[in-house]
Amino acid sequence: MVEWCSVLSGVMVVVDIFLSVYFNLFIYFFFLLFFWEGSRLDAMGVEHWKHCSYSLGCAGLALVFKMFVARLVSTISIACSFIRCMNLSC
């Protein structure tokens, strides 16, 4: 059980790092797209808030998912630490 928990903890750290980098880039991309598309549509005389809400919504969903995954990863890490501690009688 201790070996399985150690492997799971290691995998969770790698997943957390990967998702943090990936979702930060994803969020920044959609915010940049939101402002770029907005300025482009403003120049054309189109009300850009209707057209750019998709970009902002995607960025918001990515942020919520990232926070959910971060909570999940920390919960699994804490549970594995507890199991290791119980097995080692610390």
PDB file of N, CA and C in Angstrom:
ATOM      1  N   MET A   1       0.825  -1.206   0.000  1.00  0.00           N
ATOM      2  CA  MET A   1       0.000   0.000   0.000  1.00  0.00           C
ATOM      3  C   MET A   1       0.860   1.257   0.000  1.00  0.00           C
ATOM      4  N   VAL A   2       1.983   1.208   0.718  1.00  0.00           N
ATOM      5  CA  VAL A   2       2.849   2.383   0.796  1.00  0.00           C
ATOM      6  C   VAL A   2       3.465   2.672  -0.573  1.00  0.00           C
ATOM      7  N   GLU A   3       3.904   1.635  -1.318  1.00  0.00           N
ATOM      8  CA  GLU A   3       4.512   1.843  -2.636  1.00  0.00           C
ATOM      9  C   GLU A   3       3.486   2.443  -3.601  1.00  0.00           C
ATOM     10  N   TRP A   4       2.261   1.916  -3.569  1.00  0.00           N
ATOM     11  CA  TRP A   4       1.202   2.406  -4.438  1.00  0.00           C
ATOM     12  C   TRP A   4       0.915   3.872  -4.144  1.00  0.00           C
ATOM     13  N   CYS A   5       0.932   4.214  -2.871  1.00  0.00           N
ATOM     14  CA  CYS A   5       0.647   5.591  -2.477  1.00  0.00           C
ATOM     15  C   CYS A   5       1.781   6.522  -2.907  1.00  0.00           C
ATOM     16  N   SER A   6       3.006   6.049  -2.822  1.00  0.00           N
ATOM     17  CA  SER A   6       4.137   6.870  -3.247  1.00  0.00           C
ATOM     18  C   SER A   6       4.072   7.141  -4.746  1.00  0.00           C
ATOM     19  N   VAL A   7       3.752   6.109  -5.504  1.00  0.00           N
ATOM     20  CA  VAL A   7       3.624   6.274  -6.960  1.00  0.00           C
ATOM     21  C   VAL A   7       2.487   7.244  -7.278  1.00  0.00           C
ATOM     22  N   LEU A   8       1.366   7.094  -6.598  1.00  0.00           N
ATOM     23  CA  LEU A   8       0.220   7.971  -6.834  1.00  0.00           C
ATOM     24  C   LEU A   8       0.561   9.418  -6.483  1.00  0.00           C
ATOM     25  N   SER A   9       1.284   9.611  -5.399  1.00  0.00           N
ATOM     26  CA  SER A   9       1.685  10.975  -5.014  1.00  0.00           C
ATOM     27  C   SER A   9       2.583  11.587  -6.081  1.00  0.00           C
ATOM     28  N   GLY A  10       3.529  10.791  -6.581  1.00  0.00           N
ATOM     29  CA  GLY A  10       4.411  11.290  -7.637  1.00  0.00           C
ATOM     30  C   GLY A  10       3.654  11.641  -8.903  1.00  0.00           C
ATOM     31  N   VAL A  11       2.718  10.786  -9.280  1.00  0.00           N
ATOM     32  CA  VAL A  11       1.910  11.050 -10.467  1.00  0.00           C
ATOM     33  C   VAL A  11       1.065  12.307 -10.266  1.00  0.00           C
ATOM     34  N   MET A  12       0.509  12.481  -9.092  1.00  0.00           N
ATOM     35  CA  MET A  12      -0.307  13.657  -8.812  1.00  0.00           C
ATOM     36  C   MET A  12       0.506  14.943  -8.904  1.00  0.00           C
ATOM     37  N   VAL A  13       1.756  14.911  -8.456  1.00  0.00           N
ATOM     38  CA  VAL A  13       2.611  16.097  -8.552  1.00  0.00           C
ATOM     39  C   VAL A  13       2.865  16.444 -10.020  1.00  0.00           C
ATOM     40  N   VAL A  14       3.178  15.427 -10.832  1.00  0.00           N
ATOM     41  CA  VAL A  14       3.423  15.659 -12.262  1.00  0.00           C
ATOM     42  C   VAL A  14       2.155  16.178 -12.942  1.00  0.00           C
ATOM     43  N   VAL A  15       1.015  15.573 -12.631  1.00  0.00           N
ATOM     44  CA  VAL A  15      -0.260  16.017 -13.218  1.00  0.00           C
ATOM     45  C   VAL A  15      -0.570  17.445 -12.797  1.00  0.00           C
ATOM     46  N   ASP A  16      -0.322  17.766 -11.533  1.00  0.00           N
ATOM     47  CA  ASP A  16      -0.589  19.118 -11.042  1.00  0.00           C
ATOM     48  C   ASP A  16       0.274  20.143 -11.767  1.00  0.00           C
ATOM     49  N   ILE A  17       1.550  19.842 -11.931  1.00  0.00           N
ATOM     50  CA  ILE A  17       2.450  20.770 -12.629  1.00  0.00           C
ATOM     51  C   ILE A  17       2.018  20.928 -14.084  1.00  0.00           C
ATOM     52  N   PHE A  18       1.742  19.818 -14.747  1.00  0.00           N
ATOM     53  CA  PHE A  18       1.325  19.867 -16.153  1.00  0.00           C
ATOM     54  C   PHE A  18       0.044  20.671 -16.314  1.00  0.00           C
ATOM     55  N   LEU A  19      -0.962  20.379 -15.487  1.00  0.00           N
ATOM     56  CA  LEU A  19      -2.236  21.082 -15.622  1.00  0.00           C
ATOM     57  C   LEU A  19      -2.112  22.557 -15.265  1.00  0.00           C
ATOM     58  N   SER A  20      -1.278  22.869 -14.298  1.00  0.00           N
ATOM     59  CA  SER A  20      -1.097  24.279 -13.946  1.00  0.00           C
ATOM     60  C   SER A  20      -0.521  25.060 -15.120  1.00  0.00           C
ATOM     61  N   VAL A  21       0.518  24.514 -15.731  1.00  0.00           N
ATOM     62  CA  VAL A  21       1.125  25.201 -16.877  1.00  0.00           C
ATOM     63  C   VAL A  21       0.148  25.240 -18.048  1.00  0.00           C
ATOM     64  N   TYR A  22      -0.453  24.103 -18.363  1.00  0.00           N
ATOM     65  CA  TYR A  22      -1.348  24.019 -19.514  1.00  0.00           C
ATOM     66  C   TYR A  22      -2.561  24.937 -19.360  1.00  0.00           C
ATOM     67  N   PHE A  23      -3.206  24.883 -18.196  1.00  0.00           N
ATOM     68  CA  PHE A  23      -4.409  25.683 -18.038  1.00  0.00           C
ATOM     69  C   PHE A  23      -4.107  27.165 -17.889  1.00  0.00           C
ATOM     70  N   ASN A  24      -2.943  27.511 -17.333  1.00  0.00           N
ATOM     71  CA  ASN A  24      -2.584  28.929 -17.312  1.00  0.00           C
ATOM     72  C   ASN A  24      -2.410  29.453 -18.730  1.00  0.00           C
ATOM     73  N   LEU A  25      -1.730  28.690 -19.576  1.00  0.00           N
ATOM     74  CA  LEU A  25      -1.573  29.100 -20.971  1.00  0.00           C
ATOM     75  C   LEU A  25      -2.935  29.167 -21.675  1.00  0.00           C
ATOM     76  N   PHE A  26      -3.790  28.204 -21.394  1.00  0.00           N
ATOM     77  CA  PHE A  26      -5.127  28.160 -21.985  1.00  0.00           C
ATOM     78  C   PHE A  26      -5.936  29.398 -21.580  1.00  0.00           C
ATOM     79  N   ILE A  27      -5.889  29.734 -20.303  1.00  0.00           N
ATOM     80  CA  ILE A  27      -6.635  30.890 -19.799  1.00  0.00           C
ATOM     81  C   ILE A  27      -6.088  32.182 -20.404  1.00  0.00           C
ATOM     82  N   TYR A  28      -4.753  32.335 -20.422  1.00  0.00           N
ATOM     83  CA  TYR A  28      -4.169  33.542 -20.995  1.00  0.00           C
ATOM     84  C   TYR A  28      -4.501  33.666 -22.481  1.00  0.00           C
ATOM     85  N   PHE A  29      -4.490  32.533 -23.193  1.00  0.00           N
ATOM     86  CA  PHE A  29      -4.820  32.558 -24.614  1.00  0.00           C
ATOM     87  C   PHE A  29      -6.240  33.086 -24.826  1.00  0.00           C
ATOM     88  N   PHE A  30      -7.201  32.603 -24.045  1.00  0.00           N
ATOM     89  CA  PHE A  30      -8.577  33.034 -24.259  1.00  0.00           C
ATOM     90  C   PHE A  30      -8.791  34.481 -23.826  1.00  0.00           C
ATOM     91  N   PHE A  31      -8.073  34.931 -22.772  1.00  0.00           N
ATOM     92  CA  PHE A  31      -8.190  36.340 -22.409  1.00  0.00           C
ATOM     93  C   PHE A  31      -7.573  37.233 -23.484  1.00  0.00           C
ATOM     94  N   LEU A  32      -6.433  36.815 -24.039  1.00  0.00           N
ATOM     95  CA  LEU A  32      -5.836  37.586 -25.129  1.00  0.00           C
ATOM     96  C   LEU A  32      -6.737  37.593 -26.355  1.00  0.00           C
ATOM     97  N   LEU A  33      -7.324  36.444 -26.661  1.00  0.00           N
ATOM     98  CA  LEU A  33      -8.254  36.365 -27.781  1.00  0.00           C
ATOM     99  C   LEU A  33      -9.451  37.281 -27.545  1.00  0.00           C
ATOM    100  N   PHE A  34      -9.915  37.323 -26.315  1.00  0.00           N
ATOM    101  CA  PHE A  34     -11.049  38.181 -25.962  1.00  0.00           C
ATOM    102  C   PHE A  34     -10.737  39.641 -26.266  1.00  0.00           C
ATOM    103  N   PHE A  35      -9.565  40.114 -25.808  1.00  0.00           N
ATOM    104  CA  PHE A  35      -9.242  41.526 -26.006  1.00  0.00           C
ATOM    105  C   PHE A  35      -8.860  41.833 -27.449  1.00  0.00           C
ATOM    106  N   TRP A  36      -8.156  40.904 -28.110  1.00  0.00           N
ATOM    107  CA  TRP A  36      -7.791  41.135 -29.518  1.00  0.00           C
ATOM    108  C   TRP A  36      -9.030  41.153 -30.397  1.00  0.00           C
ATOM    109  N   GLU A  37      -9.886  40.170 -30.215  1.00  0.00           N
ATOM    110  CA  GLU A  37     -11.113  40.089 -31.021  1.00  0.00           C
ATOM    111  C   GLU A  37     -12.002  41.294 -30.734  1.00  0.00           C
ATOM    112  N   GLY A  38     -12.050  41.723 -29.487  1.00  0.00           N
ATOM    113  CA  GLY A  38     -12.854  42.886 -29.124  1.00  0.00           C
ATOM    114  C   GLY A  38     -12.374  44.147 -29.811  1.00  0.00           C
ATOM    115  N   SER A  39     -11.059  44.368 -29.823  1.00  0.00           N
ATOM    116  CA  SER A  39     -10.544  45.580 -30.466  1.00  0.00           C
ATOM    117  C   SER A  39     -10.730  45.520 -31.981  1.00  0.00           C
ATOM    118  N   ARG A  40     -10.598  44.330 -32.554  1.00  0.00           N
ATOM    119  CA  ARG A  40     -10.794  44.172 -33.999  1.00  0.00           C
ATOM    120  C   ARG A  40     -12.262  44.444 -34.383  1.00  0.00           C
ATOM    121  N   LEU A  41     -13.185  43.904 -33.606  1.00  0.00           N
ATOM    122  CA  LEU A  41     -14.604  44.112 -33.904  1.00  0.00           C
ATOM    123  C   LEU A  41     -15.033  45.546 -33.628  1.00  0.00           C
ATOM    124  N   ASP A  42     -14.411  46.177 -32.605  1.00  0.00           N
ATOM    125  CA  ASP A  42     -14.705  47.590 -32.351  1.00  0.00           C
ATOM    126  C   ASP A  42     -14.319  48.440 -33.558  1.00  0.00           C
ATOM    127  N   ALA A  43     -13.187  48.111 -34.159  1.00  0.00           N
ATOM    128  CA  ALA A  43     -12.735  48.869 -35.331  1.00  0.00           C
ATOM    129  C   ALA A  43     -13.706  48.697 -36.498  1.00  0.00           C
ATOM    130  N   MET A  44     -14.374  47.552 -36.567  1.00  0.00           N
ATOM    131  CA  MET A  44     -15.345  47.295 -37.635  1.00  0.00           C
ATOM    132  C   MET A  44     -16.730  47.852 -37.288  1.00  0.00           C
ATOM    133  N   GLY A  45     -16.889  48.356 -36.076  1.00  0.00           N
ATOM    134  CA  GLY A  45     -18.166  48.914 -35.669  1.00  0.00           C
ATOM    135  C   GLY A  45     -19.155  47.875 -35.164  1.00  0.00           C
ATOM    136  N   VAL A  46     -18.672  46.690 -34.775  1.00  0.00           N
ATOM    137  CA  VAL A  46     -19.543  45.623 -34.285  1.00  0.00           C
ATOM    138  C   VAL A  46     -19.479  45.626 -32.761  1.00  0.00           C
ATOM    139  N   GLU A  47     -20.603  45.378 -32.123  1.00  0.00           N
ATOM    140  CA  GLU A  47     -20.614  45.284 -30.667  1.00  0.00           C
ATOM    141  C   GLU A  47     -19.927  43.974 -30.256  1.00  0.00           C
ATOM    142  N   HIS A  48     -18.716  44.107 -29.742  1.00  0.00           N
ATOM    143  CA  HIS A  48     -17.884  42.912 -29.572  1.00  0.00           C
ATOM    144  C   HIS A  48     -18.228  42.089 -28.342  1.00  0.00           C
ATOM    145  N   TRP A  49     -18.969  42.612 -27.378  1.00  0.00           N
ATOM    146  CA  TRP A  49     -19.235  41.848 -26.155  1.00  0.00           C
ATOM    147  C   TRP A  49     -20.033  40.586 -26.454  1.00  0.00           C
ATOM    148  N   LYS A  50     -20.920  40.647 -27.440  1.00  0.00           N
ATOM    149  CA  LYS A  50     -21.697  39.468 -27.791  1.00  0.00           C
ATOM    150  C   LYS A  50     -20.819  38.402 -28.443  1.00  0.00           C
ATOM    151  N   HIS A  51     -19.885  38.838 -29.271  1.00  0.00           N
ATOM    152  CA  HIS A  51     -19.058  37.888 -30.013  1.00  0.00           C
ATOM    153  C   HIS A  51     -17.923  37.324 -29.181  1.00  0.00           C
ATOM    154  N   CYS A  52     -17.461  38.068 -28.191  1.00  0.00           N
ATOM    155  CA  CYS A  52     -16.294  37.636 -27.418  1.00  0.00           C
ATOM    156  C   CYS A  52     -16.660  36.945 -26.107  1.00  0.00           C
ATOM    157  N   SER A  53     -17.925  36.841 -25.801  1.00  0.00           N
ATOM    158  CA  SER A  53     -18.303  36.187 -24.550  1.00  0.00           C
ATOM    159  C   SER A  53     -17.889  34.723 -24.548  1.00  0.00           C
ATOM    160  N   TYR A  54     -17.789  34.106 -25.726  1.00  0.00           N
ATOM    161  CA  TYR A  54     -17.338  32.717 -25.818  1.00  0.00           C
ATOM    162  C   TYR A  54     -15.917  32.577 -25.287  1.00  0.00           C
ATOM    163  N   SER A  55     -15.033  33.483 -25.698  1.00  0.00           N
ATOM    164  CA  SER A  55     -13.641  33.436 -25.240  1.00  0.00           C
ATOM    165  C   SER A  55     -13.554  33.616 -23.734  1.00  0.00           C
ATOM    166  N   LEU A  56     -14.299  34.576 -23.228  1.00  0.00           N
ATOM    167  CA  LEU A  56     -14.275  34.831 -21.792  1.00  0.00           C
ATOM    168  C   LEU A  56     -14.885  33.657 -21.027  1.00  0.00           C
ATOM    169  N   GLY A  57     -15.945  33.077 -21.568  1.00  0.00           N
ATOM    170  CA  GLY A  57     -16.569  31.923 -20.929  1.00  0.00           C
ATOM    171  C   GLY A  57     -15.641  30.720 -20.898  1.00  0.00           C
ATOM    172  N   CYS A  58     -14.913  30.480 -21.974  1.00  0.00           N
ATOM    173  CA  CYS A  58     -13.965  29.366 -22.004  1.00  0.00           C
ATOM    174  C   CYS A  58     -12.845  29.576 -20.992  1.00  0.00           C
ATOM    175  N   ALA A  59     -12.370  30.793 -20.886  1.00  0.00           N
ATOM    176  CA  ALA A  59     -11.321  31.080 -19.910  1.00  0.00           C
ATOM    177  C   ALA A  59     -11.839  30.858 -18.486  1.00  0.00           C
ATOM    178  N   GLY A  60     -13.069  31.272 -18.229  1.00  0.00           N
ATOM    179  CA  GLY A  60     -13.653  31.066 -16.909  1.00  0.00           C
ATOM    180  C   GLY A  60     -13.838  29.593 -16.584  1.00  0.00           C
ATOM    181  N   LEU A  61     -14.319  28.818 -17.555  1.00  0.00           N
ATOM    182  CA  LEU A  61     -14.479  27.382 -17.342  1.00  0.00           C
ATOM    183  C   LEU A  61     -13.136  26.702 -17.094  1.00  0.00           C
ATOM    184  N   ALA A  62     -12.120  27.107 -17.829  1.00  0.00           N
ATOM    185  CA  ALA A  62     -10.786  26.539 -17.628  1.00  0.00           C
ATOM    186  C   ALA A  62     -10.280  26.857 -16.229  1.00  0.00           C
ATOM    187  N   LEU A  63     -10.541  28.069 -15.756  1.00  0.00           N
ATOM    188  CA  LEU A  63     -10.108  28.453 -14.415  1.00  0.00           C
ATOM    189  C   LEU A  63     -10.824  27.638 -13.349  1.00  0.00           C
ATOM    190  N   VAL A  64     -12.120  27.438 -13.500  1.00  0.00           N
ATOM    191  CA  VAL A  64     -12.885  26.638 -12.539  1.00  0.00           C
ATOM    192  C   VAL A  64     -12.397  25.195 -12.536  1.00  0.00           C
ATOM    193  N   PHE A  65     -12.168  24.629 -13.727  1.00  0.00           N
ATOM    194  CA  PHE A  65     -11.681  23.253 -13.823  1.00  0.00           C
ATOM    195  C   PHE A  65     -10.299  23.120 -13.195  1.00  0.00           C
ATOM    196  N   LYS A  66      -9.449  24.121 -13.424  1.00  0.00           N
ATOM    197  CA  LYS A  66      -8.103  24.102 -12.845  1.00  0.00           C
ATOM    198  C   LYS A  66      -8.188  24.113 -11.314  1.00  0.00           C
ATOM    199  N   MET A  67      -9.067  24.933 -10.750  1.00  0.00           N
ATOM    200  CA  MET A  67      -9.203  24.981  -9.295  1.00  0.00           C
ATOM    201  C   MET A  67      -9.741  23.654  -8.764  1.00  0.00           C
ATOM    202  N   PHE A  68     -10.682  23.033  -9.476  1.00  0.00           N
ATOM    203  CA  PHE A  68     -11.217  21.743  -9.065  1.00  0.00           C
ATOM    204  C   PHE A  68     -10.125  20.678  -9.068  1.00  0.00           C
ATOM    205  N   VAL A  69      -9.326  20.638 -10.137  1.00  0.00           N
ATOM    206  CA  VAL A  69      -8.246  19.651 -10.224  1.00  0.00           C
ATOM    207  C   VAL A  69      -7.205  19.891  -9.138  1.00  0.00           C
ATOM    208  N   ALA A  70      -6.897  21.151  -8.865  1.00  0.00           N
ATOM    209  CA  ALA A  70      -5.929  21.454  -7.799  1.00  0.00           C
ATOM    210  C   ALA A  70      -6.432  20.958  -6.448  1.00  0.00           C
ATOM    211  N   ARG A  71      -7.721  21.148  -6.153  1.00  0.00           N
ATOM    212  CA  ARG A  71      -8.293  20.644  -4.893  1.00  0.00           C
ATOM    213  C   ARG A  71      -8.250  19.125  -4.859  1.00  0.00           C
ATOM    214  N   LEU A  72      -8.556  18.489  -5.972  1.00  0.00           N
ATOM    215  CA  LEU A  72      -8.538  17.032  -6.046  1.00  0.00           C
ATOM    216  C   LEU A  72      -7.131  16.492  -5.813  1.00  0.00           C
ATOM    217  N   VAL A  73      -6.147  17.108  -6.447  1.00  0.00           N
ATOM    218  CA  VAL A  73      -4.754  16.674  -6.295  1.00  0.00           C
ATOM    219  C   VAL A  73      -4.297  16.850  -4.853  1.00  0.00           C
ATOM    220  N   SER A  74      -4.614  17.967  -4.242  1.00  0.00           N
ATOM    221  CA  SER A  74      -4.179  18.174  -2.849  1.00  0.00           C
ATOM    222  C   SER A  74      -4.892  17.211  -1.904  1.00  0.00           C
ATOM    223  N   THR A  75      -6.156  16.892  -2.163  1.00  0.00           N
ATOM    224  CA  THR A  75      -6.875  15.934  -1.321  1.00  0.00           C
ATOM    225  C   THR A  75      -6.257  14.548  -1.418  1.00  0.00           C
ATOM    226  N   ILE A  76      -5.926  14.123  -2.635  1.00  0.00           N
ATOM    227  CA  ILE A  76      -5.294  12.809  -2.810  1.00  0.00           C
ATOM    228  C   ILE A  76      -3.931  12.779  -2.147  1.00  0.00           C
ATOM    229  N   SER A  77      -3.158  13.857  -2.260  1.00  0.00           N
ATOM    230  CA  SER A  77      -1.840  13.912  -1.637  1.00  0.00           C
ATOM    231  C   SER A  77      -1.937  13.849  -0.114  1.00  0.00           C
ATOM    232  N   ILE A  78      -2.896  14.555   0.453  1.00  0.00           N
ATOM    233  CA  ILE A  78      -3.082  14.527   1.908  1.00  0.00           C
ATOM    234  C   ILE A  78      -3.508  13.135   2.357  1.00  0.00           C
ATOM    235  N   ALA A  79      -4.423  12.510   1.603  1.00  0.00           N
ATOM    236  CA  ALA A  79      -4.864  11.149   1.953  1.00  0.00           C
ATOM    237  C   ALA A  79      -3.699  10.169   1.893  1.00  0.00           C
ATOM    238  N   CYS A  80      -2.867  10.281   0.878  1.00  0.00           N
ATOM    239  CA  CYS A  80      -1.714   9.378   0.768  1.00  0.00           C
ATOM    240  C   CYS A  80      -0.713   9.622   1.889  1.00  0.00           C
ATOM    241  N   SER A  81      -0.508  10.853   2.264  1.00  0.00           N
ATOM    242  CA  SER A  81       0.389  11.148   3.386  1.00  0.00           C
ATOM    243  C   SER A  81      -0.152  10.534   4.676  1.00  0.00           C
ATOM    244  N   PHE A  82      -1.450  10.627   4.874  1.00  0.00           N
ATOM    245  CA  PHE A  82      -2.077  10.052   6.056  1.00  0.00           C
ATOM    246  C   PHE A  82      -1.921   8.530   6.072  1.00  0.00           C
ATOM    247  N   ILE A  83      -2.156   7.890   4.921  1.00  0.00           N
ATOM    248  CA  ILE A  83      -2.017   6.427   4.834  1.00  0.00           C
ATOM    249  C   ILE A  83      -0.583   6.009   5.120  1.00  0.00           C
ATOM    250  N   ARG A  84       0.382   6.747   4.548  1.00  0.00           N
ATOM    251  CA  ARG A  84       1.786   6.427   4.802  1.00  0.00           C
ATOM    252  C   ARG A  84       2.120   6.578   6.277  1.00  0.00           C
ATOM    253  N   CYS A  85       1.607   7.616   6.880  1.00  0.00           N
ATOM    254  CA  CYS A  85       1.872   7.864   8.299  1.00  0.00           C
ATOM    255  C   CYS A  85       1.266   6.759   9.154  1.00  0.00           C
ATOM    256  N   MET A  86       0.060   6.316   8.816  1.00  0.00           N
ATOM    257  CA  MET A  86      -0.578   5.249   9.580  1.00  0.00           C
ATOM    258  C   MET A  86       0.178   3.924   9.428  1.00  0.00           C
ATOM    259  N   ASN A  87       0.680   3.661   8.215  1.00  0.00           N
ATOM    260  CA  ASN A  87       1.431   2.424   7.994  1.00  0.00           C
ATOM    261  C   ASN A  87       2.789   2.435   8.681  1.00  0.00           C
ATOM    262  N   LEU A  88       3.360   3.634   8.820  1.00  0.00           N
ATOM    263  CA  LEU A  88       4.672   3.739   9.463  1.00  0.00           C
ATOM    264  C   LEU A  88       4.562   4.021  10.962  1.00  0.00           C
ATOM    265  N   SER A  89       3.364   4.203  11.458  1.00  0.00           N
ATOM    266  CA  SER A  89       3.087   4.515  12.873  1.00  0.00           C
ATOM    267  C   SER A  89       3.895   5.717  13.348  1.00  0.00           C
ATOM    268  N   CYS A  90       3.748   6.826  12.634  1.00  0.00           N
ATOM    269  CA  CYS A  90       4.548   8.003  12.986  1.00  0.00           C
ATOM    270  C   CYS A  90       3.937   8.810  14.115  1.00  0.00           C
TER     271      CYS A  90
END
